[in-house]
Amino acid sequence: MLIHAPSPAELPALRSIELAAGTAFRGLGMATIADAEPPSLAQLAEFQRAGRALAAYEEPCGAAAAEGTGAPLGFLLWEPVDGCTHIEQVSVHPQHAHRRIGQALIDRAEQDGGSAPLTLTTFAEVPWNAPYYTRLGFRTLTDAELTPGLREIRAHEATLGLDHWPRVCMRRDPGPRK
C-alpha cells in the first residue's frame, strides 16, 4: 500500500469515499451521520495545500505501475491542535475495509507529525470508532485532560448535533505499540 498526498484532481474521490463510508452509520440508527455532507472541495484543497491530507492507494504492479497509483482507497485529514497532530477525519471506502488502511493512514500521520501525540474526537459506542481507536493505542481523555483546542472542537461538534450520540476525545502518544 502506498500513502501520499492526494493530487488536486483526486479530491472529488475523497468526497465519494466519505459518502460511501458514512452509509454504515445508517445501520446504527445514525441516519443524520450517514447523510452528512462530506468536506467540500474547498476544504479538502485547503488540507491538501497545507500538506495535511493523506490518501492510501494500492501498490501498482506490472503494467499498472507505469500508469500510476490509481484511485484512493481511503484518506486522512489532520491539523495541528495544541501541539498535537489532530486527526480531523479518517475514512476508508467500505469496499476496502478490514485491510488496515485506516491504521496505515493513522501511523503515517503520526510519522509526519514527528514527536507530537495524535488526538481525535469520535463516537464512543460505534464499533469502528472509539473501540477501534483503542485497539490502535489511543486512550480516552478525561475532561480534565482536554486542551483548549480540543474543548473548542467538541463545542463546535455539539453545535453540529453530533452530541446526540456519546462522543469522546482520544489521544495516542508517540512510540512503540503494545
Protein backbone atom coordinates (compact mmCIF):
# COMPACT_ATOMS: atom_id res chain seq x y z
CA MET A 1 0.00 0.00 0.00
CA LEU A 2 1.19 3.48 -0.85
CA ILE A 3 0.32 6.53 1.22
CA HIS A 4 0.95 10.05 0.00
CA ALA A 5 -0.74 13.39 -0.51
CA PRO A 6 -3.65 13.26 -2.94
CA SER A 7 -3.43 15.35 -6.07
CA PRO A 8 -5.95 18.18 -6.57
CA ALA A 9 -7.65 16.05 -9.24
CA GLU A 10 -8.26 13.28 -6.67
CA LEU A 11 -10.12 15.47 -4.17
CA PRO A 12 -13.58 14.61 -5.58
CA ALA A 13 -12.76 10.93 -4.98
CA LEU A 14 -12.18 11.71 -1.29
CA ARG A 15 -15.70 13.13 -1.07
CA SER A 16 -17.02 9.90 -2.64
CA ILE A 17 -15.09 7.80 -0.12
CA GLU A 18 -16.58 9.81 2.77
CA LEU A 19 -20.12 9.40 1.42
CA ALA A 20 -19.66 5.64 0.97
CA ALA A 21 -18.06 5.22 4.40
CA GLY A 22 -20.90 7.14 6.02
CA THR A 23 -23.55 4.67 4.89
CA ALA A 24 -22.53 2.21 7.65
CA PHE A 25 -23.92 4.63 10.24
CA ARG A 26 -27.43 4.10 8.90
CA GLY A 27 -27.46 0.56 10.32
CA LEU A 28 -26.86 2.01 13.81
CA GLY A 29 -29.80 4.40 13.60
CA MET A 30 -27.49 7.32 12.84
CA ALA A 31 -29.02 8.46 9.55
CA THR A 32 -28.02 12.06 10.25
CA ILE A 33 -24.37 10.99 10.22
CA ALA A 34 -24.88 8.75 7.18
CA ASP A 35 -26.43 11.65 5.28
CA ALA A 36 -23.91 14.28 6.39
CA GLU A 37 -22.26 16.30 3.66
CA PRO A 38 -18.56 15.38 3.23
CA PRO A 39 -15.90 18.08 3.37
CA SER A 40 -16.24 20.48 0.46
CA LEU A 41 -13.70 20.55 -2.35
CA ALA A 42 -12.50 23.90 -0.98
CA GLN A 43 -11.96 22.40 2.48
CA LEU A 44 -10.17 19.38 1.04
CA ALA A 45 -8.00 21.65 -1.11
CA GLU A 46 -7.05 23.65 1.97
CA PHE A 47 -5.86 20.49 3.77
CA GLN A 48 -4.10 19.30 0.60
CA ARG A 49 -2.27 22.62 0.04
CA ALA A 50 -1.19 22.71 3.70
CA GLY A 51 0.30 19.21 3.41
CA ARG A 52 -2.21 17.79 5.89
CA ALA A 53 -4.09 15.37 3.64
CA LEU A 54 -3.05 11.77 3.07
CA ALA A 55 -4.55 9.14 0.78
CA ALA A 56 -3.98 5.39 0.56
CA TYR A 57 -3.56 3.61 -2.76
CA GLU A 58 -3.00 0.06 -3.97
CA GLU A 59 0.64 -0.52 -4.73
CA PRO A 60 0.74 -0.83 -8.51
CA CYS A 61 2.38 -3.86 -10.03
CA GLY A 62 3.19 -4.99 -13.53
CA ALA A 63 1.80 -2.86 -16.35
CA ALA A 64 -0.31 -0.85 -13.88
CA ALA A 65 2.87 0.52 -12.31
CA ALA A 66 3.51 2.62 -15.39
CA GLU A 67 0.03 4.16 -15.10
CA GLY A 68 0.39 5.41 -11.52
CA THR A 69 -1.27 4.53 -8.25
CA GLY A 70 -4.94 4.52 -9.26
CA ALA A 71 -7.84 5.87 -7.24
CA PRO A 72 -7.59 6.46 -3.48
CA LEU A 73 -8.97 3.75 -1.19
CA GLY A 74 -9.10 5.92 1.92
CA PHE A 75 -7.92 9.24 3.26
CA LEU A 76 -6.97 11.13 6.40
CA LEU A 77 -7.07 14.85 7.18
CA TRP A 78 -5.18 16.33 10.11
CA GLU A 79 -4.41 19.68 11.66
CA PRO A 80 -2.17 20.92 14.45
CA VAL A 81 -4.12 21.45 17.69
CA ASP A 82 -2.36 22.45 20.91
CA GLY A 83 0.94 20.84 19.92
CA CYS A 84 -0.70 17.60 18.76
CA THR A 85 -1.45 16.09 15.37
CA HIS A 86 -5.25 16.15 15.47
CA ILE A 87 -6.97 13.71 13.12
CA GLU A 88 -9.89 15.63 11.70
CA GLN A 89 -11.18 12.80 9.53
CA VAL A 90 -10.17 9.31 8.51
CA SER A 91 -12.33 7.35 6.08
CA VAL A 92 -11.90 4.16 4.08
CA HIS A 93 -14.22 3.10 1.28
CA PRO A 94 -16.28 0.12 2.54
CA GLN A 95 -15.14 -1.98 -0.44
CA HIS A 96 -11.64 -1.82 1.04
CA ALA A 97 -12.49 -2.23 4.74
CA HIS A 98 -10.68 -4.66 7.03
CA ARG A 99 -7.34 -4.25 5.27
CA ARG A 100 -5.71 -1.99 7.91
CA ILE A 101 -5.87 1.01 5.60
CA GLY A 102 -7.14 3.28 8.39
CA GLN A 103 -4.35 2.09 10.65
CA ALA A 104 -1.75 2.73 7.95
CA LEU A 105 -3.08 6.25 7.41
CA ILE A 106 -3.02 6.97 11.15
CA ASP A 107 0.50 5.59 11.51
CA ARG A 108 1.65 7.77 8.60
CA ALA A 109 0.02 10.86 10.15
CA GLU A 110 1.91 10.08 13.35
CA GLN A 111 5.15 9.78 11.38
CA ASP A 112 4.51 13.05 9.55
CA GLY A 113 3.62 14.79 12.83
CA GLY A 114 7.02 13.96 14.31
CA SER A 115 7.09 13.55 18.07
CA ALA A 116 3.63 15.08 18.56
CA PRO A 117 0.88 12.97 20.09
CA LEU A 118 -2.15 12.15 17.96
CA THR A 119 -5.60 13.29 19.05
CA LEU A 120 -9.08 12.80 17.63
CA THR A 121 -12.74 13.05 18.58
CA THR A 122 -15.09 10.18 17.83
CA PHE A 123 -18.26 8.35 18.71
CA ALA A 124 -17.79 6.37 21.92
CA GLU A 125 -20.09 3.45 21.09
CA VAL A 126 -19.63 2.96 17.34
CA PRO A 127 -17.54 -0.22 16.86
CA TRP A 128 -15.34 1.26 14.12
CA ASN A 129 -14.79 4.45 16.14
CA ALA A 130 -13.63 4.56 19.79
CA PRO A 131 -13.25 0.77 20.25
CA TYR A 132 -11.22 0.61 17.03
CA TYR A 133 -9.00 3.53 18.04
CA THR A 134 -8.45 1.90 21.44
CA ARG A 135 -7.09 -1.17 19.64
CA LEU A 136 -4.71 1.17 17.79
CA GLY A 137 -3.28 2.52 21.05
CA PHE A 138 -5.49 5.55 21.68
CA ARG A 139 -6.91 6.23 25.12
CA THR A 140 -9.98 8.25 26.08
CA LEU A 141 -9.17 11.58 27.68
CA THR A 142 -10.86 12.76 30.84
CA ASP A 143 -12.48 16.20 30.90
CA ALA A 144 -9.53 17.48 32.94
CA GLU A 145 -7.12 16.36 30.19
CA LEU A 146 -8.84 18.26 27.39
CA THR A 147 -6.77 21.07 25.94
CA PRO A 148 -8.35 24.38 24.95
CA GLY A 149 -8.27 23.37 21.28
CA LEU A 150 -9.99 20.04 21.96
CA ARG A 151 -12.64 21.83 24.03
CA GLU A 152 -13.24 24.18 21.10
CA ILE A 153 -13.54 21.25 18.67
CA ARG A 154 -16.02 19.49 20.98
CA ALA A 155 -18.08 22.67 21.36
CA HIS A 156 -18.24 23.01 17.57
CA GLU A 157 -19.27 19.36 17.22
CA ALA A 158 -22.06 19.97 19.73
CA THR A 159 -23.40 22.83 17.60
CA LEU A 160 -23.48 20.40 14.66
CA GLY A 161 -25.65 17.98 16.67
CA LEU A 162 -23.00 15.29 16.99
CA ASP A 163 -23.58 15.08 20.76
CA HIS A 164 -26.88 13.32 20.09
CA TRP A 165 -24.66 10.23 20.44
CA PRO A 166 -21.89 9.90 23.08
CA ARG A 167 -18.58 11.37 21.90
CA VAL A 168 -15.07 11.22 23.34
CA CYS A 169 -11.67 12.81 22.79
CA MET A 170 -8.81 10.35 22.43
CA ARG A 171 -5.03 10.58 22.39
CA ARG A 172 -2.17 8.35 21.30
CA ASP A 173 1.32 9.20 22.45
CA PRO A 174 4.18 8.53 20.05
CA GLY A 175 6.28 5.46 20.46
CA PRO A 176 6.08 1.69 20.17
CA ARG A 177 2.68 -0.03 20.44
CA LYS A 178 1.98 -2.90 22.79
